């Protein structure tokens, strides 16, 4: 799921998601932020919080 969202973000905004800002964070947190960005058509802004929580996404 993470990979799909990363591709969608890149396609939507013409730039890669700043994944390096999330080093050491749980994958599910990145998925939630990416999903929020893609589903609401908004670019990520550093420090952005999300109320979207995908509980059944695969995570490590």
C-alpha atoms as a PDB file:
ATOM      1  CA  UNK A   1       0.000   0.000   0.000  1.00  0.00           C
ATOM      2  CA  UNK A   2       2.832   2.417   0.820  1.00  0.00           C
ATOM      3  CA  UNK A   3       4.373   1.969  -2.605  1.00  0.00           C
ATOM      4  CA  UNK A   4       1.062   2.649  -4.384  1.00  0.00           C
ATOM      5  CA  UNK A   5       0.492   5.822  -2.362  1.00  0.00           C
ATOM      6  CA  UNK A   6       4.036   7.031  -3.073  1.00  0.00           C
ATOM      7  CA  UNK A   7       3.433   6.610  -6.820  1.00  0.00           C
ATOM      8  CA  UNK A   8       0.049   8.354  -6.581  1.00  0.00           C
ATOM      9  CA  UNK A   9       1.567  11.285  -4.692  1.00  0.00           C
ATOM     10  CA  UNK A  10       4.329  11.642  -7.282  1.00  0.00           C
ATOM     11  CA  UNK A  11       1.834  11.482 -10.152  1.00  0.00           C
ATOM     12  CA  UNK A  12      -0.525  13.945  -8.500  1.00  0.00           C
ATOM     13  CA  UNK A  13       2.010  16.599  -7.502  1.00  0.00           C
ATOM     14  CA  UNK A  14       4.886  15.971  -9.908  1.00  0.00           C
ATOM     15  CA  UNK A  15       7.369  15.499  -7.095  1.00  0.00           C
ATOM     16  CA  UNK A  16       8.233  12.675  -4.718  1.00  0.00           C
ATOM     17  CA  UNK A  17       6.848  12.556  -1.205  1.00  0.00           C
ATOM     18  CA  UNK A  18       9.571  13.627   1.292  1.00  0.00           C
ATOM     19  CA  UNK A  19       9.964  10.141   2.705  1.00  0.00           C
ATOM     20  CA  UNK A  20      13.349  10.947   4.282  1.00  0.00           C
ATOM     21  CA  UNK A  21      11.562  13.131   6.842  1.00  0.00           C
ATOM     22  CA  UNK A  22       9.948   9.982   8.214  1.00  0.00           C
ATOM     23  CA  UNK A  23      13.051   7.910   8.869  1.00  0.00           C
ATOM     24  CA  UNK A  24      12.430   5.774  11.944  1.00  0.00           C
ATOM     25  CA  UNK A  25       8.670   6.390  11.974  1.00  0.00           C
ATOM     26  CA  UNK A  26       6.205   3.499  11.776  1.00  0.00           C
ATOM     27  CA  UNK A  27       5.123   2.709   8.223  1.00  0.00           C
ATOM     28  CA  UNK A  28       1.456   3.048   9.164  1.00  0.00           C
ATOM     29  CA  UNK A  29       2.041   6.718  10.117  1.00  0.00           C
ATOM     30  CA  UNK A  30       3.500   7.424   6.679  1.00  0.00           C
ATOM     31  CA  UNK A  31       0.628   5.574   5.012  1.00  0.00           C
ATOM     32  CA  UNK A  32      -1.931   7.654   6.923  1.00  0.00           C
ATOM     33  CA  UNK A  33      -0.316  10.957   5.942  1.00  0.00           C
ATOM     34  CA  UNK A  34       0.128   9.894   2.319  1.00  0.00           C
ATOM     35  CA  UNK A  35      -3.464   8.700   2.133  1.00  0.00           C
ATOM     36  CA  UNK A  36      -4.666  12.017   3.525  1.00  0.00           C
ATOM     37  CA  UNK A  37      -2.583  13.955   0.975  1.00  0.00           C
ATOM     38  CA  UNK A  38      -3.732  11.875  -1.990  1.00  0.00           C
ATOM     39  CA  UNK A  39      -7.388  11.628  -1.021  1.00  0.00           C
ATOM     40  CA  UNK A  40      -7.676  15.367  -0.245  1.00  0.00           C
ATOM     41  CA  UNK A  41      -5.405  16.591  -3.052  1.00  0.00           C
ATOM     42  CA  UNK A  42      -3.026  18.441  -0.750  1.00  0.00           C
ATOM     43  CA  UNK A  43       0.753  18.471  -0.720  1.00  0.00           C
ATOM     44  CA  UNK A  44       2.586  17.439   2.412  1.00  0.00           C
ATOM     45  CA  UNK A  45       3.723  20.331   4.610  1.00  0.00           C
ATOM     46  CA  UNK A  46       6.392  19.557   7.198  1.00  0.00           C
ATOM     47  CA  UNK A  47       4.809  18.866  10.563  1.00  0.00           C
ATOM     48  CA  UNK A  48       1.428  18.157   8.996  1.00  0.00           C
ATOM     49  CA  UNK A  49      -0.904  16.079  11.146  1.00  0.00           C
ATOM     50  CA  UNK A  50      -3.680  13.860   9.894  1.00  0.00           C
ATOM     51  CA  UNK A  51      -6.910  12.591  11.362  1.00  0.00           C
ATOM     52  CA  UNK A  52      -7.046   9.804   8.790  1.00  0.00           C
ATOM     53  CA  UNK A  53      -6.255   6.434  10.324  1.00  0.00           C
ATOM     54  CA  UNK A  54      -6.093   3.331   8.229  1.00  0.00           C
ATOM     55  CA  UNK A  55      -6.050   0.547  10.783  1.00  0.00           C
ATOM     56  CA  UNK A  56      -6.068  -2.469   8.506  1.00  0.00           C
ATOM     57  CA  UNK A  57      -3.135  -1.429   6.304  1.00  0.00           C
ATOM     58  CA  UNK A  58      -0.127  -3.702   6.366  1.00  0.00           C
ATOM     59  CA  UNK A  59       2.569  -2.320   8.625  1.00  0.00           C
ATOM     60  CA  UNK A  60       5.753  -3.455  10.270  1.00  0.00           C
END
